[in-house]
């Protein structure tokens, strides 16, 4: 059965859900970074795999749309994690709570600090995680049949 193309409302809902899952994975990704007290950029690979599975299995987007949604959610998770780590670092230095730091610093400052903290290897790993997410969300052409298959 050929896959049906999603309409505009389904695509908008899929983008919203993928962004929400990206934020959720980013928040979960921050936990081990705070626990170990250092950046763990290699966790973008399992995060990308998880988001690829989520987009394909739960959101039911496959092909180009699924690949783009999964890759975008992975890059969003990486950016969100970098911003949360920057906020947690500021909170630790200033002796403030994380919520107060997020409110006082604002998104512009957190994005700027997160960009300063990223190196070329971090960007490379984020790209690899986005590629992995897109490949996981892409459908495999698995042929079922052969001698062991019963109809």
N, C-alpha and C. Protein backbone atom coordinates (compact mmCIF):
# COMPACT_ATOMS: atom_id res chain seq x y z
N UNK A 1 0.84 -1.16 0.00
CA UNK A 1 0.00 0.00 0.00
C UNK A 1 0.90 1.24 0.00
N UNK A 2 0.72 2.16 -0.94
CA UNK A 2 1.56 3.35 -0.97
C UNK A 2 1.22 4.28 0.19
N UNK A 3 2.23 4.96 0.66
CA UNK A 3 2.04 5.88 1.78
C UNK A 3 1.27 7.10 1.31
N UNK A 4 0.32 7.52 2.11
CA UNK A 4 -0.46 8.70 1.77
C UNK A 4 0.32 9.94 2.17
N UNK A 5 0.18 10.98 1.36
CA UNK A 5 0.84 12.24 1.69
C UNK A 5 0.01 12.96 2.75
N UNK A 6 0.65 13.40 3.81
CA UNK A 6 -0.11 14.10 4.85
C UNK A 6 -0.55 15.48 4.38
N UNK A 7 -1.71 15.89 4.83
CA UNK A 7 -2.21 17.21 4.51
C UNK A 7 -1.51 18.26 5.36
N UNK A 8 -1.84 19.51 5.13
CA UNK A 8 -1.19 20.61 5.85
C UNK A 8 -1.46 20.54 7.36
N UNK A 9 -2.69 20.29 7.82
CA UNK A 9 -2.90 20.20 9.27
C UNK A 9 -2.08 19.08 9.91
N UNK A 10 -1.99 17.93 9.23
CA UNK A 10 -1.21 16.83 9.78
C UNK A 10 0.28 17.18 9.81
N UNK A 11 0.75 17.89 8.80
CA UNK A 11 2.16 18.29 8.77
C UNK A 11 2.47 19.30 9.86
N UNK A 12 1.58 20.26 10.06
CA UNK A 12 1.79 21.25 11.13
C UNK A 12 1.77 20.57 12.49
N UNK A 13 0.84 19.65 12.68
CA UNK A 13 0.79 18.91 13.95
C UNK A 13 2.05 18.06 14.12
N UNK A 14 2.55 17.47 13.03
CA UNK A 14 3.77 16.69 13.10
C UNK A 14 4.98 17.53 13.46
N UNK A 15 5.06 18.73 12.90
CA UNK A 15 6.16 19.64 13.24
C UNK A 15 6.10 20.03 14.72
N UNK A 16 4.88 20.32 15.20
CA UNK A 16 4.71 20.67 16.61
C UNK A 16 5.11 19.51 17.52
N UNK A 17 4.67 18.31 17.18
CA UNK A 17 5.01 17.14 18.00
C UNK A 17 6.50 16.84 17.95
N UNK A 18 7.11 16.95 16.77
CA UNK A 18 8.55 16.71 16.66
C UNK A 18 9.34 17.72 17.48
N UNK A 19 8.91 18.98 17.46
CA UNK A 19 9.57 20.01 18.27
C UNK A 19 9.41 19.71 19.76
N UNK A 20 8.24 19.28 20.16
CA UNK A 20 8.00 18.94 21.56
C UNK A 20 8.87 17.77 21.99
N UNK A 21 8.95 16.74 21.15
CA UNK A 21 9.83 15.61 21.47
C UNK A 21 11.29 16.04 21.48
N UNK A 22 11.67 16.96 20.60
CA UNK A 22 13.04 17.48 20.61
C UNK A 22 13.37 18.20 21.90
N UNK A 23 12.43 19.02 22.39
CA UNK A 23 12.65 19.70 23.67
C UNK A 23 12.73 18.69 24.81
N UNK A 24 11.89 17.67 24.77
CA UNK A 24 11.89 16.66 25.83
C UNK A 24 13.21 15.88 25.85
N UNK A 25 13.67 15.47 24.68
CA UNK A 25 14.95 14.74 24.62
C UNK A 25 16.09 15.64 25.04
N UNK A 26 16.04 16.92 24.69
CA UNK A 26 17.07 17.86 25.13
C UNK A 26 17.12 18.01 26.64
N UNK A 27 15.95 18.05 27.27
CA UNK A 27 15.90 18.17 28.73
C UNK A 27 16.42 16.90 29.40
N UNK A 28 16.09 15.74 28.84
CA UNK A 28 16.59 14.48 29.40
C UNK A 28 18.10 14.37 29.18
N UNK A 29 18.57 14.85 28.03
CA UNK A 29 19.99 14.82 27.70
C UNK A 29 20.80 15.69 28.67
N UNK A 30 20.18 16.74 29.20
CA UNK A 30 20.89 17.62 30.12
C UNK A 30 21.20 16.93 31.45
N UNK A 31 20.38 15.98 31.84
CA UNK A 31 20.55 15.33 33.15
C UNK A 31 21.92 14.67 33.29
N UNK A 32 22.37 13.80 32.36
CA UNK A 32 23.71 13.23 32.55
C UNK A 32 24.82 14.26 32.44
N UNK A 33 24.60 15.32 31.66
CA UNK A 33 25.62 16.36 31.58
C UNK A 33 25.79 17.07 32.92
N UNK A 34 24.69 17.31 33.59
CA UNK A 34 24.77 17.95 34.91
C UNK A 34 25.31 16.97 35.95
N UNK A 35 24.98 15.71 35.79
CA UNK A 35 25.45 14.70 36.74
C UNK A 35 26.97 14.54 36.67
N UNK A 36 27.52 14.52 35.44
CA UNK A 36 28.96 14.36 35.28
C UNK A 36 29.70 15.68 35.32
N UNK A 37 29.00 16.80 35.23
CA UNK A 37 29.62 18.10 35.33
C UNK A 37 30.42 18.52 34.10
N UNK A 38 30.14 17.93 32.96
CA UNK A 38 30.83 18.31 31.73
C UNK A 38 29.92 18.03 30.55
N UNK A 39 30.27 18.61 29.42
CA UNK A 39 29.46 18.42 28.22
C UNK A 39 29.64 17.00 27.69
N UNK A 40 28.57 16.42 27.22
CA UNK A 40 28.58 15.09 26.62
C UNK A 40 27.97 15.18 25.22
N UNK A 41 28.72 15.75 24.26
CA UNK A 41 28.13 15.95 22.93
C UNK A 41 27.88 14.65 22.17
N UNK A 42 28.54 13.56 22.55
CA UNK A 42 28.34 12.29 21.84
C UNK A 42 26.95 11.71 22.11
N UNK A 43 26.26 12.21 23.11
CA UNK A 43 24.90 11.72 23.38
C UNK A 43 23.91 12.17 22.31
N UNK A 44 24.36 12.98 21.36
CA UNK A 44 23.48 13.36 20.26
C UNK A 44 23.17 12.16 19.38
N UNK A 45 24.06 11.17 19.35
CA UNK A 45 23.81 9.98 18.52
C UNK A 45 22.65 9.14 19.06
N UNK A 46 22.64 8.76 20.35
CA UNK A 46 21.44 8.06 20.83
C UNK A 46 20.19 8.94 20.82
N UNK A 47 20.36 10.25 21.03
CA UNK A 47 19.21 11.15 20.96
C UNK A 47 18.63 11.17 19.55
N UNK A 48 19.50 11.20 18.55
CA UNK A 48 19.04 11.17 17.17
C UNK A 48 18.33 9.86 16.83
N UNK A 49 18.88 8.77 17.33
CA UNK A 49 18.24 7.48 17.08
C UNK A 49 16.85 7.44 17.69
N UNK A 50 16.73 7.90 18.94
CA UNK A 50 15.43 7.91 19.62
C UNK A 50 14.44 8.79 18.86
N UNK A 51 14.87 9.96 18.44
CA UNK A 51 13.95 10.86 17.73
C UNK A 51 13.57 10.30 16.35
N UNK A 52 14.48 9.61 15.71
CA UNK A 52 14.13 8.96 14.45
C UNK A 52 13.07 7.89 14.63
N UNK A 53 13.22 7.11 15.69
CA UNK A 53 12.21 6.07 15.99
C UNK A 53 10.88 6.72 16.34
N UNK A 54 10.90 7.78 17.12
CA UNK A 54 9.67 8.46 17.52
C UNK A 54 8.94 9.01 16.30
N UNK A 55 9.67 9.66 15.41
CA UNK A 55 9.02 10.24 14.22
C UNK A 55 8.44 9.15 13.33
N UNK A 56 9.16 8.06 13.19
CA UNK A 56 8.68 7.01 12.30
C UNK A 56 7.56 6.18 12.91
N UNK A 57 7.71 5.79 14.17
CA UNK A 57 6.74 4.87 14.78
C UNK A 57 5.55 5.57 15.41
N UNK A 58 5.79 6.68 16.11
CA UNK A 58 4.69 7.32 16.82
C UNK A 58 4.02 8.40 16.00
N UNK A 59 4.81 9.22 15.32
CA UNK A 59 4.21 10.29 14.52
C UNK A 59 3.80 9.81 13.13
N UNK A 60 4.31 8.65 12.72
CA UNK A 60 3.95 8.02 11.45
C UNK A 60 4.33 8.86 10.23
N UNK A 61 5.47 9.54 10.32
CA UNK A 61 6.00 10.25 9.16
C UNK A 61 7.17 9.45 8.63
N UNK A 62 7.20 9.20 7.34
CA UNK A 62 8.27 8.45 6.71
C UNK A 62 8.75 9.21 5.49
N UNK A 63 9.83 8.75 4.93
CA UNK A 63 10.36 9.36 3.72
C UNK A 63 11.01 10.70 4.01
N UNK A 64 10.90 11.62 3.06
CA UNK A 64 11.55 12.92 3.19
C UNK A 64 10.99 13.71 4.36
N UNK A 65 9.68 13.72 4.52
CA UNK A 65 9.08 14.48 5.63
C UNK A 65 9.53 13.93 6.98
N UNK A 66 9.56 12.61 7.12
CA UNK A 66 10.00 12.01 8.37
C UNK A 66 11.47 12.27 8.64
N UNK A 67 12.30 12.18 7.61
CA UNK A 67 13.71 12.44 7.77
C UNK A 67 13.99 13.88 8.19
N UNK A 68 13.30 14.81 7.55
CA UNK A 68 13.49 16.22 7.91
C UNK A 68 12.97 16.53 9.31
N UNK A 69 11.83 15.95 9.66
CA UNK A 69 11.31 16.17 11.02
C UNK A 69 12.25 15.60 12.08
N UNK A 70 12.77 14.39 11.85
CA UNK A 70 13.66 13.77 12.83
C UNK A 70 14.98 14.53 12.93
N UNK A 71 15.53 14.94 11.79
CA UNK A 71 16.79 15.70 11.82
C UNK A 71 16.59 17.05 12.50
N UNK A 72 15.50 17.72 12.20
CA UNK A 72 15.22 19.01 12.84
C UNK A 72 15.01 18.87 14.33
N UNK A 73 14.31 17.83 14.75
CA UNK A 73 14.10 17.61 16.19
C UNK A 73 15.42 17.32 16.89
N UNK A 74 16.32 16.60 16.22
CA UNK A 74 17.62 16.31 16.82
C UNK A 74 18.46 17.57 16.97
N UNK A 75 18.47 18.41 15.94
CA UNK A 75 19.22 19.66 16.04
C UNK A 75 18.60 20.59 17.08
N UNK A 76 17.28 20.58 17.20
CA UNK A 76 16.62 21.37 18.23
C UNK A 76 16.99 20.86 19.62
N UNK A 77 17.04 19.54 19.79
CA UNK A 77 17.44 18.97 21.08
C UNK A 77 18.86 19.36 21.44
N UNK A 78 19.76 19.35 20.46
CA UNK A 78 21.16 19.72 20.72
C UNK A 78 21.27 21.19 21.11
N UNK A 79 20.55 22.05 20.40
CA UNK A 79 20.59 23.48 20.72
C UNK A 79 19.96 23.76 22.09
N UNK A 80 18.86 23.11 22.38
CA UNK A 80 18.18 23.31 23.67
C UNK A 80 19.06 22.83 24.82
N UNK A 81 19.73 21.71 24.63
CA UNK A 81 20.63 21.20 25.67
C UNK A 81 21.77 22.17 25.91
N UNK A 82 22.33 22.71 24.83
CA UNK A 82 23.43 23.67 24.98
C UNK A 82 22.97 24.92 25.75
N UNK A 83 21.75 25.37 25.47
CA UNK A 83 21.22 26.53 26.19
C UNK A 83 20.97 26.21 27.66
N UNK A 84 20.44 25.02 27.94
CA UNK A 84 20.20 24.63 29.33
C UNK A 84 21.50 24.48 30.10
N UNK A 85 22.53 23.95 29.47
CA UNK A 85 23.83 23.82 30.14
C UNK A 85 24.42 25.19 30.41
N UNK A 86 24.27 26.11 29.46
CA UNK A 86 24.76 27.49 29.70
C UNK A 86 24.02 28.12 30.87
N UNK A 87 22.70 27.90 30.95
CA UNK A 87 21.92 28.45 32.06
C UNK A 87 22.33 27.81 33.38
N UNK A 88 22.56 26.51 33.38
CA UNK A 88 22.98 25.83 34.61
C UNK A 88 24.37 26.29 35.06
N UNK A 89 25.24 26.56 34.11
CA UNK A 89 26.57 27.07 34.46
C UNK A 89 26.48 28.44 35.10
N UNK A 90 25.66 29.32 34.51
CA UNK A 90 25.46 30.65 35.09
C UNK A 90 24.85 30.53 36.48
N UNK A 91 23.85 29.66 36.62
CA UNK A 91 23.20 29.48 37.92
C UNK A 91 24.20 29.01 38.97
N UNK A 92 25.08 28.09 38.59
CA UNK A 92 26.08 27.61 39.54
C UNK A 92 27.09 28.68 39.91
N UNK A 93 27.49 29.49 38.96
CA UNK A 93 28.47 30.55 39.23
C UNK A 93 27.89 31.66 40.10
N UNK A 94 26.62 31.98 39.88
CA UNK A 94 26.00 33.10 40.58
C UNK A 94 25.26 32.70 41.84
N UNK A 95 25.11 31.40 42.06
CA UNK A 95 24.38 30.96 43.24
C UNK A 95 22.89 31.20 43.13
N UNK A 96 22.37 31.12 41.92
CA UNK A 96 20.94 31.35 41.69
C UNK A 96 20.28 30.03 41.33
N UNK A 97 18.97 30.02 41.33
CA UNK A 97 18.22 28.85 40.88
C UNK A 97 18.17 28.82 39.35
N UNK A 98 17.93 27.65 38.80
CA UNK A 98 17.90 27.51 37.35
C UNK A 98 16.75 28.29 36.73
N UNK A 99 15.59 28.26 37.35
CA UNK A 99 14.44 28.99 36.81
C UNK A 99 14.69 30.50 36.82
N UNK A 100 15.30 31.01 37.90
CA UNK A 100 15.63 32.44 37.96
C UNK A 100 16.64 32.81 36.89
N UNK A 101 17.62 31.94 36.67
CA UNK A 101 18.64 32.20 35.66
C UNK A 101 18.03 32.20 34.27
N UNK A 102 17.14 31.24 33.98
CA UNK A 102 16.48 31.20 32.68
C UNK A 102 15.67 32.46 32.43
N UNK A 103 14.99 32.95 33.47
CA UNK A 103 14.17 34.14 33.32
C UNK A 103 15.03 35.40 33.18
N UNK A 104 16.09 35.49 33.97
CA UNK A 104 16.93 36.70 33.95
C UNK A 104 17.82 36.78 32.72
N UNK A 105 18.39 35.67 32.30
CA UNK A 105 19.33 35.69 31.18
C UNK A 105 18.61 35.92 29.85
N UNK A 106 17.49 35.28 29.67
CA UNK A 106 16.75 35.44 28.42
C UNK A 106 17.30 34.56 27.32
N UNK A 107 16.49 34.32 26.30
CA UNK A 107 16.91 33.41 25.24
C UNK A 107 18.09 33.93 24.41
N UNK A 108 18.17 35.22 24.19
CA UNK A 108 19.26 35.76 23.38
C UNK A 108 20.62 35.51 24.00
N UNK A 109 20.74 35.77 25.29
CA UNK A 109 22.01 35.56 25.98
C UNK A 109 22.35 34.08 26.06
N UNK A 110 21.37 33.24 26.33
CA UNK A 110 21.64 31.81 26.44
C UNK A 110 22.06 31.21 25.10
N UNK A 111 21.45 31.67 24.02
CA UNK A 111 21.84 31.18 22.69
C UNK A 111 23.26 31.63 22.36
N UNK A 112 23.58 32.88 22.70
CA UNK A 112 24.94 33.38 22.44
C UNK A 112 25.98 32.60 23.25
N UNK A 113 25.69 32.34 24.52
CA UNK A 113 26.63 31.58 25.35
C UNK A 113 26.75 30.13 24.89
N UNK A 114 25.64 29.56 24.45
CA UNK A 114 25.68 28.18 23.95
C UNK A 114 26.51 28.10 22.67
N UNK A 115 26.39 29.09 21.80
CA UNK A 115 27.20 29.10 20.57
C UNK A 115 28.68 29.25 20.89
N UNK A 116 29.01 30.05 21.89
CA UNK A 116 30.42 30.21 22.28
C UNK A 116 31.01 28.92 22.85
N UNK A 117 30.17 28.13 23.50
CA UNK A 117 30.66 26.91 24.14
C UNK A 117 30.84 25.75 23.15
N UNK A 118 30.26 25.87 21.95
CA UNK A 118 30.32 24.78 20.98
C UNK A 118 31.59 24.88 20.15
N UNK A 119 32.21 23.75 19.94
CA UNK A 119 33.38 23.67 19.07
C UNK A 119 33.03 23.00 17.76
N UNK A 120 34.00 22.91 16.85
CA UNK A 120 33.72 22.26 15.57
C UNK A 120 33.31 20.79 15.72
N UNK A 121 33.87 20.10 16.69
CA UNK A 121 33.50 18.71 16.92
C UNK A 121 32.07 18.56 17.37
N UNK A 122 31.59 19.53 18.15
CA UNK A 122 30.20 19.49 18.60
C UNK A 122 29.25 19.66 17.43
N UNK A 123 29.59 20.57 16.52
CA UNK A 123 28.75 20.76 15.33
C UNK A 123 28.78 19.52 14.44
N UNK A 124 29.94 18.90 14.33
CA UNK A 124 30.06 17.68 13.53
C UNK A 124 29.22 16.55 14.12
N UNK A 125 29.28 16.39 15.44
CA UNK A 125 28.48 15.36 16.09
C UNK A 125 26.98 15.65 15.96
N UNK A 126 26.60 16.91 16.05
CA UNK A 126 25.18 17.26 15.88
C UNK A 126 24.72 16.92 14.47
N UNK A 127 25.56 17.18 13.49
CA UNK A 127 25.21 16.82 12.11
C UNK A 127 25.10 15.31 11.94
N UNK A 128 26.02 14.57 12.58
CA UNK A 128 25.96 13.11 12.51
C UNK A 128 24.71 12.58 13.20
N UNK A 129 24.33 13.17 14.32
CA UNK A 129 23.11 12.75 15.01
C UNK A 129 21.87 13.06 14.19
N UNK A 130 21.86 14.21 13.51
CA UNK A 130 20.72 14.56 12.66
C UNK A 130 20.64 13.60 11.47
N UNK A 131 21.80 13.24 10.91
CA UNK A 131 21.81 12.29 9.80
C UNK A 131 21.32 10.92 10.25
N UNK A 132 21.76 10.49 11.44
CA UNK A 132 21.29 9.22 11.98
C UNK A 132 19.78 9.24 12.20
N UNK A 133 19.27 10.34 12.73
CA UNK A 133 17.82 10.45 12.95
C UNK A 133 17.06 10.37 11.64
N UNK A 134 17.58 11.04 10.60
CA UNK A 134 16.91 11.01 9.31
C UNK A 134 16.94 9.60 8.72
N UNK A 135 18.05 8.90 8.88
CA UNK A 135 18.15 7.55 8.34
C UNK A 135 17.23 6.57 9.09
N UNK A 136 17.10 6.75 10.39
CA UNK A 136 16.21 5.88 11.17
C UNK A 136 14.75 6.15 10.81
N UNK A 137 14.42 7.41 10.56
CA UNK A 137 13.03 7.74 10.21
C UNK A 137 12.69 7.33 8.78
N UNK A 138 13.69 7.15 7.94
CA UNK A 138 13.45 6.76 6.54
C UNK A 138 12.99 5.31 6.50
N UNK A 139 11.99 4.98 5.70
CA UNK A 139 11.51 3.59 5.68
C UNK A 139 12.48 2.67 4.96
N UNK A 140 12.61 1.49 5.49
CA UNK A 140 13.42 0.46 4.84
C UNK A 140 12.52 -0.34 3.92
N UNK A 141 13.05 -0.73 2.79
CA UNK A 141 12.29 -1.55 1.86
C UNK A 141 12.56 -3.01 2.19
N UNK A 142 11.82 -3.52 3.16
CA UNK A 142 12.00 -4.89 3.59
C UNK A 142 11.00 -5.76 2.85
N UNK A 143 11.50 -6.72 2.17
CA UNK A 143 10.62 -7.65 1.44
C UNK A 143 10.37 -8.86 2.30
N UNK A 144 9.14 -9.10 2.53
CA UNK A 144 8.75 -10.27 3.32
C UNK A 144 8.39 -11.38 2.35
N UNK A 145 9.02 -12.48 2.49
CA UNK A 145 8.71 -13.58 1.59
C UNK A 145 9.81 -14.60 1.64
N UNK A 146 9.72 -15.53 0.78
CA UNK A 146 10.73 -16.55 0.75
C UNK A 146 10.18 -17.88 1.20
N UNK A 147 11.05 -18.82 1.45
CA UNK A 147 10.64 -20.19 1.78
C UNK A 147 10.00 -20.28 3.16
N UNK A 148 10.41 -19.43 4.09
CA UNK A 148 9.91 -19.57 5.46
C UNK A 148 8.63 -18.77 5.71
N UNK A 149 8.22 -17.97 4.74
CA UNK A 149 7.05 -17.12 4.93
C UNK A 149 5.77 -17.90 4.60
N UNK A 150 4.83 -17.85 5.53
CA UNK A 150 3.52 -18.48 5.29
C UNK A 150 2.51 -17.38 5.08
N UNK A 151 1.66 -17.53 4.06
CA UNK A 151 0.66 -16.48 3.79
C UNK A 151 -0.42 -16.41 4.82
